[in-house]
Each structure stands twice: as structure tokens, then as C-alpha cells.
PDB file of all heavy atoms in Angstrom:
ATOM      1  N   PRO A   1     103.329  88.258 -86.009  1.00  0.00           N
ATOM      2  CA  PRO A   1     104.323  89.319 -85.865  1.00  0.00           C
ATOM      3  C   PRO A   1     104.879  89.411 -84.400  1.00  0.00           C
ATOM      4  O   PRO A   1     104.107  89.360 -83.459  1.00  0.00           O
ATOM      5  CB  PRO A   1     103.522  90.632 -86.203  1.00  0.00           C
ATOM      6  CG  PRO A   1     102.521  90.170 -87.054  1.00  0.00           C
ATOM      7  CD  PRO A   1     102.000  88.792 -86.576  1.00  0.00           C
ATOM      8  N   GLY A   2     106.155  89.476 -84.257  1.00  0.00           N
ATOM      9  CA  GLY A   2     106.734  89.701 -82.969  1.00  0.00           C
ATOM     10  C   GLY A   2     106.940  88.383 -82.144  1.00  0.00           C
ATOM     11  O   GLY A   2     107.476  88.395 -81.046  1.00  0.00           O
ATOM     12  N   GLN A   3     106.559  87.245 -82.717  1.00  0.00           N
ATOM     13  CA  GLN A   3     106.739  85.978 -82.066  1.00  0.00           C
ATOM     14  C   GLN A   3     107.975  85.268 -82.610  1.00  0.00           C
ATOM     15  O   GLN A   3     108.153  85.234 -83.839  1.00  0.00           O
ATOM     16  CB  GLN A   3     105.527  85.083 -82.146  1.00  0.00           C
ATOM     17  CG  GLN A   3     104.296  85.628 -81.410  1.00  0.00           C
ATOM     18  CD  GLN A   3     103.096  84.654 -81.484  1.00  0.00           C
ATOM     19  OE1 GLN A   3     103.172  83.686 -82.110  1.00  0.00           O
ATOM     20  NE2 GLN A   3     102.096  84.949 -80.638  1.00  0.00           N
ATOM     21  N   PRO A   4     108.677  84.502 -81.769  1.00  0.00           N
ATOM     22  CA  PRO A   4     109.821  83.704 -82.225  1.00  0.00           C
ATOM     23  C   PRO A   4     109.284  82.504 -83.006  1.00  0.00           C
ATOM     24  O   PRO A   4     108.276  81.987 -82.844  1.00  0.00           O
ATOM     25  CB  PRO A   4     110.548  83.259 -80.937  1.00  0.00           C
ATOM     26  CG  PRO A   4     109.424  83.237 -79.888  1.00  0.00           C
ATOM     27  CD  PRO A   4     108.498  84.363 -80.186  1.00  0.00           C
ATOM     28  N   LEU A   5     110.200  81.988 -83.923  1.00  0.00           N
ATOM     29  CA  LEU A   5     109.813  80.804 -84.698  1.00  0.00           C
ATOM     30  C   LEU A   5     109.741  79.566 -83.853  1.00  0.00           C
ATOM     31  O   LEU A   5     110.627  79.359 -82.975  1.00  0.00           O
ATOM     32  CB  LEU A   5     110.857  80.622 -85.818  1.00  0.00           C
ATOM     33  CG  LEU A   5     110.908  81.805 -86.858  1.00  0.00           C
ATOM     34  CD1 LEU A   5     111.907  81.409 -87.920  1.00  0.00           C
ATOM     35  CD2 LEU A   5     109.558  82.073 -87.469  1.00  0.00           C
ATOM     36  N   ARG A   6     108.873  78.718 -84.030  1.00  0.00           N
ATOM     37  CA  ARG A   6     108.729  77.400 -83.354  1.00  0.00           C
ATOM     38  C   ARG A   6     109.185  76.384 -84.235  1.00  0.00           C
ATOM     39  O   ARG A   6     108.497  76.024 -85.213  1.00  0.00           O
ATOM     40  CB  ARG A   6     107.204  77.238 -82.839  1.00  0.00           C
ATOM     41  CG  ARG A   6     107.002  76.016 -81.965  1.00  0.00           C
ATOM     42  CD  ARG A   6     105.658  76.123 -81.314  1.00  0.00           C
ATOM     43  NE  ARG A   6     105.304  74.949 -80.637  1.00  0.00           N
ATOM     44  CZ  ARG A   6     104.517  73.977 -81.129  1.00  0.00           C
ATOM     45  NH1 ARG A   6     103.948  74.112 -82.236  1.00  0.00           N
ATOM     46  NH2 ARG A   6     104.217  72.828 -80.343  1.00  0.00           N
ATOM     47  N   LEU A   7     110.258  75.851 -83.942  1.00  0.00           N
ATOM     48  CA  LEU A   7     110.922  74.825 -84.884  1.00  0.00           C
ATOM     49  C   LEU A   7     110.863  73.303 -84.303  1.00  0.00           C
ATOM     50  O   LEU A   7     111.311  72.513 -84.963  1.00  0.00           O
ATOM     51  CB  LEU A   7     112.456  75.191 -85.004  1.00  0.00           C
ATOM     52  CG  LEU A   7     112.738  76.580 -85.577  1.00  0.00           C
ATOM     53  CD1 LEU A   7     114.214  76.758 -85.673  1.00  0.00           C
ATOM     54  CD2 LEU A   7     112.058  76.728 -87.002  1.00  0.00           C
ATOM     55  N   ARG A   8     110.098  73.183 -83.300  1.00  0.00           N
ATOM     56  CA  ARG A   8     109.962  71.824 -82.755  1.00  0.00           C
ATOM     57  C   ARG A   8     108.497  71.545 -82.236  1.00  0.00           C
ATOM     58  O   ARG A   8     108.008  72.514 -81.542  1.00  0.00           O
ATOM     59  CB  ARG A   8     110.947  71.496 -81.685  1.00  0.00           C
ATOM     60  CG  ARG A   8     110.904  70.031 -81.167  1.00  0.00           C
ATOM     61  CD  ARG A   8     112.024  69.823 -80.109  1.00  0.00           C
ATOM     62  NE  ARG A   8     111.990  68.465 -79.571  1.00  0.00           N
ATOM     63  CZ  ARG A   8     111.245  68.023 -78.524  1.00  0.00           C
ATOM     64  NH1 ARG A   8     110.422  68.918 -77.983  1.00  0.00           N
ATOM     65  NH2 ARG A   8     111.290  66.823 -78.166  1.00  0.00           N
ATOM     66  N   SER A   9     107.925  70.480 -82.536  1.00  0.00           N
ATOM     67  CA  SER A   9     106.653  70.194 -81.998  1.00  0.00           C
ATOM     68  C   SER A   9     106.847  69.124 -80.855  1.00  0.00           C
ATOM     69  O   SER A   9     107.432  68.095 -81.042  1.00  0.00           O
ATOM     70  CB  SER A   9     105.755  69.569 -83.029  1.00  0.00           C
ATOM     71  OG  SER A   9     104.479  69.264 -82.560  1.00  0.00           O
ATOM     72  N   ASP A  10     106.306  69.414 -79.662  1.00  0.00           N
ATOM     73  CA  ASP A  10     106.563  68.547 -78.496  1.00  0.00           C
ATOM     74  C   ASP A  10     105.743  67.230 -78.634  1.00  0.00           C
ATOM     75  O   ASP A  10     104.685  67.252 -79.289  1.00  0.00           O
ATOM     76  CB  ASP A  10     106.119  69.287 -77.196  1.00  0.00           C
ATOM     77  CG  ASP A  10     107.051  70.428 -76.936  1.00  0.00           C
ATOM     78  OD1 ASP A  10     108.191  70.359 -77.382  1.00  0.00           O
ATOM     79  OD2 ASP A  10     106.540  71.458 -76.346  1.00  0.00           O
ATOM     80  N   PRO A  11     106.200  66.107 -78.027  1.00  0.00           N
ATOM     81  CA  PRO A  11     105.410  64.932 -78.026  1.00  0.00           C
ATOM     82  C   PRO A  11     104.185  65.117 -77.119  1.00  0.00           C
ATOM     83  O   PRO A  11     104.150  65.970 -76.236  1.00  0.00           O
ATOM     84  CB  PRO A  11     106.363  63.887 -77.485  1.00  0.00           C
ATOM     85  CG  PRO A  11     107.325  64.664 -76.633  1.00  0.00           C
ATOM     86  CD  PRO A  11     107.473  66.105 -77.290  1.00  0.00           C
ATOM     87  N   THR A  12     103.124  64.326 -77.409  1.00  0.00           N
ATOM     88  CA  THR A  12     101.949  64.296 -76.605  1.00  0.00           C
ATOM     89  C   THR A  12     101.532  62.974 -76.379  1.00  0.00           C
ATOM     90  O   THR A  12     101.659  61.960 -77.184  1.00  0.00           O
ATOM     91  CB  THR A  12     100.761  65.031 -77.361  1.00  0.00           C
ATOM     92  OG1 THR A  12     100.485  64.359 -78.588  1.00  0.00           O
ATOM     93  CG2 THR A  12     101.195  66.476 -77.657  1.00  0.00           C
ATOM     94  N   GLN A  13     101.102  62.660 -75.104  1.00  0.00           N
ATOM     95  CA  GLN A  13     100.548  61.452 -74.584  1.00  0.00           C
ATOM     96  C   GLN A  13      99.369  61.756 -73.732  1.00  0.00           C
ATOM     97  O   GLN A  13      99.468  61.994 -72.593  1.00  0.00           O
ATOM     98  CB  GLN A  13     101.523  60.554 -73.820  1.00  0.00           C
ATOM     99  CG  GLN A  13     101.089  59.165 -73.450  1.00  0.00           C
ATOM    100  CD  GLN A  13     102.090  58.347 -72.895  1.00  0.00           C
ATOM    101  OE1 GLN A  13     101.784  57.154 -72.578  1.00  0.00           O
ATOM    102  NE2 GLN A  13     103.268  58.774 -72.605  1.00  0.00           N
ATOM    103  N   LEU A  14      98.204  61.811 -74.414  1.00  0.00           N
ATOM    104  CA  LEU A  14      97.050  62.373 -73.859  1.00  0.00           C
ATOM    105  C   LEU A  14      96.022  61.332 -73.443  1.00  0.00           C
ATOM    106  O   LEU A  14      95.776  60.375 -74.231  1.00  0.00           O
ATOM    107  CB  LEU A  14      96.385  63.261 -74.836  1.00  0.00           C
ATOM    108  CG  LEU A  14      95.274  64.342 -74.342  1.00  0.00           C
ATOM    109  CD1 LEU A  14      95.867  65.232 -73.371  1.00  0.00           C
ATOM    110  CD2 LEU A  14      94.703  65.039 -75.500  1.00  0.00           C
ATOM    111  N   VAL A  15      95.458  61.393 -72.249  1.00  0.00           N
ATOM    112  CA  VAL A  15      94.408  60.561 -71.807  1.00  0.00           C
ATOM    113  C   VAL A  15      93.178  61.367 -71.532  1.00  0.00           C
ATOM    114  O   VAL A  15      93.269  62.408 -70.859  1.00  0.00           O
ATOM    115  CB  VAL A  15      94.808  59.737 -70.526  1.00  0.00           C
ATOM    116  CG1 VAL A  15      93.605  58.896 -69.938  1.00  0.00           C
ATOM    117  CG2 VAL A  15      95.937  58.733 -70.814  1.00  0.00           C
ATOM    118  N   SER A  16      92.096  61.001 -72.035  1.00  0.00           N
ATOM    119  CA  SER A  16      90.713  61.737 -71.939  1.00  0.00           C
ATOM    120  C   SER A  16      89.773  60.710 -71.369  1.00  0.00           C
ATOM    121  O   SER A  16      89.634  59.591 -71.769  1.00  0.00           O
ATOM    122  CB  SER A  16      90.331  62.305 -73.268  1.00  0.00           C
ATOM    123  OG  SER A  16      89.078  62.852 -73.164  1.00  0.00           O
ATOM    124  N   VAL A  17      89.032  61.184 -70.301  1.00  0.00           N
ATOM    125  CA  VAL A  17      87.978  60.419 -69.610  1.00  0.00           C
ATOM    126  C   VAL A  17      86.700  61.132 -69.611  1.00  0.00           C
ATOM    127  O   VAL A  17      86.619  62.318 -68.975  1.00  0.00           O
ATOM    128  CB  VAL A  17      88.463  59.949 -68.307  1.00  0.00           C
ATOM    129  CG1 VAL A  17      87.276  59.094 -67.657  1.00  0.00           C
ATOM    130  CG2 VAL A  17      89.719  59.163 -68.312  1.00  0.00           C
ATOM    131  N   GLY A  18      85.623  60.679 -70.312  1.00  0.00           N
ATOM    132  CA  GLY A  18      84.334  61.281 -70.096  1.00  0.00           C
ATOM    133  C   GLY A  18      83.302  60.207 -69.557  1.00  0.00           C
ATOM    134  O   GLY A  18      83.663  59.089 -69.418  1.00  0.00           O
ATOM    135  N   LEU A  19      82.172  60.686 -69.203  1.00  0.00           N
ATOM    136  CA  LEU A  19      81.276  59.734 -68.453  1.00  0.00           C
ATOM    137  C   LEU A  19      79.776  60.026 -68.756  1.00  0.00           C
ATOM    138  O   LEU A  19      79.335  61.131 -69.016  1.00  0.00           O
ATOM    139  CB  LEU A  19      81.425  59.984 -66.960  1.00  0.00           C
ATOM    140  CG  LEU A  19      80.584  59.082 -66.046  1.00  0.00           C
ATOM    141  CD1 LEU A  19      80.850  57.562 -66.303  1.00  0.00           C
ATOM    142  CD2 LEU A  19      80.850  59.417 -64.637  1.00  0.00           C
ATOM    143  N   SER A  20      79.087  58.951 -68.959  1.00  0.00           N
ATOM    144  CA  SER A  20      77.613  59.074 -69.272  1.00  0.00           C
ATOM    145  C   SER A  20      76.928  58.101 -68.292  1.00  0.00           C
ATOM    146  O   SER A  20      77.250  56.954 -68.196  1.00  0.00           O
ATOM    147  CB  SER A  20      77.265  58.702 -70.671  1.00  0.00           C
ATOM    148  OG  SER A  20      75.854  58.638 -70.875  1.00  0.00           O
ATOM    149  N   GLN A  21      75.913  58.647 -67.596  1.00  0.00           N
ATOM    150  CA  GLN A  21      75.231  57.807 -66.570  1.00  0.00           C
ATOM    151  C   GLN A  21      73.655  57.914 -66.803  1.00  0.00           C
ATOM    152  O   GLN A  21      73.201  58.996 -67.168  1.00  0.00           O
ATOM    153  CB  GLN A  21      75.553  58.250 -65.153  1.00  0.00           C
ATOM    154  CG  GLN A  21      76.939  58.179 -64.791  1.00  0.00           C
ATOM    155  CD  GLN A  21      77.191  58.622 -63.279  1.00  0.00           C
ATOM    156  OE1 GLN A  21      76.867  57.926 -62.413  1.00  0.00           O
ATOM    157  NE2 GLN A  21      77.734  59.827 -63.178  1.00  0.00           N
ATOM    158  N   ASN A  22      73.012  56.843 -66.619  1.00  0.00           N
ATOM    159  CA  ASN A  22      71.517  56.744 -66.734  1.00  0.00           C
ATOM    160  C   ASN A  22      70.999  55.989 -65.648  1.00  0.00           C
ATOM    161  O   ASN A  22      71.311  54.815 -65.305  1.00  0.00           O
ATOM    162  CB  ASN A  22      71.123  56.189 -68.131  1.00  0.00           C
ATOM    163  CG  ASN A  22      71.134  57.078 -69.298  1.00  0.00           C
ATOM    164  OD1 ASN A  22      70.508  58.260 -69.087  1.00  0.00           O
ATOM    165  ND2 ASN A  22      71.853  56.933 -70.307  1.00  0.00           N
ATOM    166  N   ILE A  23      70.096  56.611 -64.762  1.00  0.00           N
ATOM    167  CA  ILE A  23      69.297  55.878 -63.752  1.00  0.00           C
ATOM    168  C   ILE A  23      68.014  55.713 -64.327  1.00  0.00           C
ATOM    169  O   ILE A  23      67.171  56.712 -64.413  1.00  0.00           O
ATOM    170  CB  ILE A  23      69.410  56.813 -62.451  1.00  0.00           C
ATOM    171  CG1 ILE A  23      70.856  56.949 -62.098  1.00  0.00           C
ATOM    172  CG2 ILE A  23      68.656  56.029 -61.377  1.00  0.00           C
ATOM    173  CD1 ILE A  23      70.985  57.868 -60.824  1.00  0.00           C
ATOM    174  N   GLU A  24      67.598  54.476 -64.566  1.00  0.00           N
ATOM    175  CA  GLU A  24      66.291  54.168 -65.166  1.00  0.00           C
ATOM    176  C   GLU A  24      65.408  53.373 -64.140  1.00  0.00           C
ATOM    177  O   GLU A  24      65.933  52.584 -63.298  1.00  0.00           O
ATOM    178  CB  GLU A  24      66.471  53.301 -66.383  1.00  0.00           C
ATOM    179  CG  GLU A  24      67.367  54.034 -67.414  1.00  0.00           C
ATOM    180  CD  GLU A  24      67.793  53.153 -68.562  1.00  0.00           C
ATOM    181  OE1 GLU A  24      68.463  52.171 -68.263  1.00  0.00           O
ATOM    182  OE2 GLU A  24      67.464  53.419 -69.739  1.00  0.00           O
ATOM    183  N   GLY A  25      64.094  53.600 -64.288  1.00  0.00           N
ATOM    184  CA  GLY A  25      63.172  52.919 -63.446  1.00  0.00           C
ATOM    185  C   GLY A  25      62.205  52.036 -64.198  1.00  0.00           C
ATOM    186  O   GLY A  25      61.934  52.273 -65.440  1.00  0.00           O
ATOM    187  N   LYS A  26      61.762  50.985 -63.615  1.00  0.00           N
ATOM    188  CA  LYS A  26      60.686  50.100 -64.189  1.00  0.00           C
ATOM    189  C   LYS A  26      59.508  50.124 -63.312  1.00  0.00           C
ATOM    190  O   LYS A  26      59.511  49.720 -62.107  1.00  0.00           O
ATOM    191  CB  LYS A  26      61.285  48.651 -64.322  1.00  0.00           C
ATOM    192  CG  LYS A  26      60.298  47.694 -64.811  1.00  0.00           C
ATOM    193  CD  LYS A  26      60.899  46.257 -64.885  1.00  0.00           C
ATOM    194  CE  LYS A  26      59.977  45.253 -65.325  1.00  0.00           C
ATOM    195  NZ  LYS A  26      60.551  43.871 -65.317  1.00  0.00           N
ATOM    196  N   SER A  27      58.310  50.585 -63.916  1.00  0.00           N
ATOM    197  CA  SER A  27      57.136  50.672 -63.075  1.00  0.00           C
ATOM    198  C   SER A  27      56.540  49.424 -62.631  1.00  0.00           C
ATOM    199  O   SER A  27      56.807  48.418 -63.359  1.00  0.00           O
ATOM    200  CB  SER A  27      56.135  51.582 -63.734  1.00  0.00           C
ATOM    201  OG  SER A  27      55.739  51.081 -64.915  1.00  0.00           O
ATOM    202  N   LYS A  28      55.830  49.324 -61.682  1.00  0.00           N
ATOM    203  CA  LYS A  28      55.064  48.059 -61.183  1.00  0.00           C
ATOM    204  C   LYS A  28      53.918  47.856 -62.162  1.00  0.00           C
ATOM    205  O   LYS A  28      53.348  48.846 -62.647  1.00  0.00           O
ATOM    206  CB  LYS A  28      54.624  48.216 -59.717  1.00  0.00           C
ATOM    207  CG  LYS A  28      55.667  48.303 -58.694  1.00  0.00           C
ATOM    208  CD  LYS A  28      55.114  48.462 -57.305  1.00  0.00           C
ATOM    209  CE  LYS A  28      56.232  48.522 -56.297  1.00  0.00           C
ATOM    210  NZ  LYS A  28      55.650  48.488 -54.909  1.00  0.00           N
ATOM    211  N   ARG A  29      53.657  46.611 -62.308  1.00  0.00           N
ATOM    212  CA  ARG A  29      52.537  46.136 -63.129  1.00  0.00           C
ATOM    213  C   ARG A  29      51.183  46.477 -62.411  1.00  0.00           C
ATOM    214  O   ARG A  29      51.171  46.412 -61.170  1.00  0.00           O
ATOM    215  CB  ARG A  29      52.626  44.602 -63.498  1.00  0.00           C
ATOM    216  CG  ARG A  29      53.954  44.249 -64.177  1.00  0.00           C
ATOM    217  CD  ARG A  29      53.939  42.747 -64.499  1.00  0.00           C
ATOM    218  NE  ARG A  29      52.940  42.510 -65.521  1.00  0.00           N
ATOM    219  CZ  ARG A  29      52.930  41.211 -66.094  1.00  0.00           C
ATOM    220  NH1 ARG A  29      53.830  40.260 -65.779  1.00  0.00           N
ATOM    221  NH2 ARG A  29      52.072  40.973 -66.975  1.00  0.00           N
ATOM    222  N   ALA A  30      50.260  46.805 -63.262  1.00  0.00           N
ATOM    223  CA  ALA A  30      48.924  47.116 -62.635  1.00  0.00           C
ATOM    224  C   ALA A  30      48.353  45.863 -62.093  1.00  0.00           C
ATOM    225  O   ALA A  30      48.650  44.705 -62.496  1.00  0.00           O
ATOM    226  CB  ALA A  30      47.975  47.608 -63.752  1.00  0.00           C
ATOM    227  N   ALA A  31      47.513  46.015 -61.163  1.00  0.00           N
ATOM    228  CA  ALA A  31      46.905  44.922 -60.367  1.00  0.00           C
ATOM    229  C   ALA A  31      46.046  43.988 -61.334  1.00  0.00           C
ATOM    230  O   ALA A  31      45.938  42.949 -61.110  1.00  0.00           O
ATOM    231  CB  ALA A  31      46.149  45.389 -59.134  1.00  0.00           C
ATOM    232  N   ASN A  32      45.451  44.698 -62.274  1.00  0.00           N
ATOM    233  CA  ASN A  32      44.512  43.960 -63.172  1.00  0.00           C
ATOM    234  C   ASN A  32      45.183  43.520 -64.555  1.00  0.00           C
ATOM    235  O   ASN A  32      44.518  43.159 -65.374  1.00  0.00           O
ATOM    236  CB  ASN A  32      43.268  44.806 -63.448  1.00  0.00           C
ATOM    237  CG  ASN A  32      43.761  46.170 -64.201  1.00  0.00           C
ATOM    238  OD1 ASN A  32      44.869  46.513 -64.190  1.00  0.00           O
ATOM    239  ND2 ASN A  32      42.731  46.933 -64.718  1.00  0.00           N
ATOM    240  N   ASP A  33      46.468  43.607 -64.499  1.00  0.00           N
ATOM    241  CA  ASP A  33      47.234  43.163 -65.749  1.00  0.00           C
ATOM    242  C   ASP A  33      47.632  41.765 -65.528  1.00  0.00           C
ATOM    243  O   ASP A  33      48.476  41.384 -64.775  1.00  0.00           O
ATOM    244  CB  ASP A  33      48.577  44.088 -65.786  1.00  0.00           C
ATOM    245  CG  ASP A  33      49.208  43.775 -67.189  1.00  0.00           C
ATOM    246  OD1 ASP A  33      48.849  42.882 -67.868  1.00  0.00           O
ATOM    247  OD2 ASP A  33      50.199  44.438 -67.413  1.00  0.00           O
ATOM    248  N   THR A  34      46.970  40.861 -66.300  1.00  0.00           N
ATOM    249  CA  THR A  34      47.077  39.391 -66.222  1.00  0.00           C
ATOM    250  C   THR A  34      47.803  38.879 -67.529  1.00  0.00           C
ATOM    251  O   THR A  34      47.844  37.619 -67.644  1.00  0.00           O
ATOM    252  CB  THR A  34      45.799  38.720 -66.039  1.00  0.00           C
ATOM    253  OG1 THR A  34      44.917  39.018 -67.115  1.00  0.00           O
ATOM    254  CG2 THR A  34      45.098  39.166 -64.829  1.00  0.00           C
ATOM    255  N   SER A  35      48.319  39.754 -68.340  1.00  0.00           N
ATOM    256  CA  SER A  35      48.940  39.210 -69.521  1.00  0.00           C
ATOM    257  C   SER A  35      50.319  38.581 -69.174  1.00  0.00           C
ATOM    258  O   SER A  35      50.962  38.908 -68.241  1.00  0.00           O
ATOM    259  CB  SER A  35      49.136  40.477 -70.573  1.00  0.00           C
ATOM    260  OG  SER A  35      49.995  41.385 -70.030  1.00  0.00           O
ATOM    261  N   SER A  36      50.749  37.725 -70.128  1.00  0.00           N
ATOM    262  CA  SER A  36      51.999  37.051 -69.902  1.00  0.00           C
ATOM    263  C   SER A  36      53.193  37.787 -70.425  1.00  0.00           C
ATOM    264  O   SER A  36      54.330  37.562 -70.004  1.00  0.00           O
ATOM    265  CB  SER A  36      51.992  35.650 -70.632  1.00  0.00           C
ATOM    266  OG  SER A  36      51.811  35.935 -72.086  1.00  0.00           O
ATOM    267  N   VAL A  37      52.902  38.948 -71.139  1.00  0.00           N
ATOM    268  CA  VAL A  37      53.980  39.848 -71.599  1.00  0.00           C
ATOM    269  C   VAL A  37      54.172  40.904 -70.584  1.00  0.00           C
ATOM    270  O   VAL A  37      53.298  41.569 -70.034  1.00  0.00           O
ATOM    271  CB  VAL A  37      53.637  40.382 -72.958  1.00  0.00           C
ATOM    272  CG1 VAL A  37      54.714  41.296 -73.491  1.00  0.00           C
ATOM    273  CG2 VAL A  37      53.413  39.332 -73.914  1.00  0.00           C
TER     274      VAL A  37
END
């Protein structure tokens, strides 16, 4: 109510940028670990 009629839909050209980051660590092998794996 009270709003003018909208008779045209404007064009859109949208760019969206999101980001995901992970900083991961690898622990040192134990001194007594002699396995090949």
C-alpha cells in the first residue's frame, strides 16, 4: 500500500568473493620412531 508500481527489473552483473584458509602443522617424528611409514 502506498508504493508505486515497479514495471521494470534492472539488470544485474554480480561478483561474489569468499575465502577459506587453513594453516596446518605436521608434528616432528618421535626419536624412537623407526617405522618406514
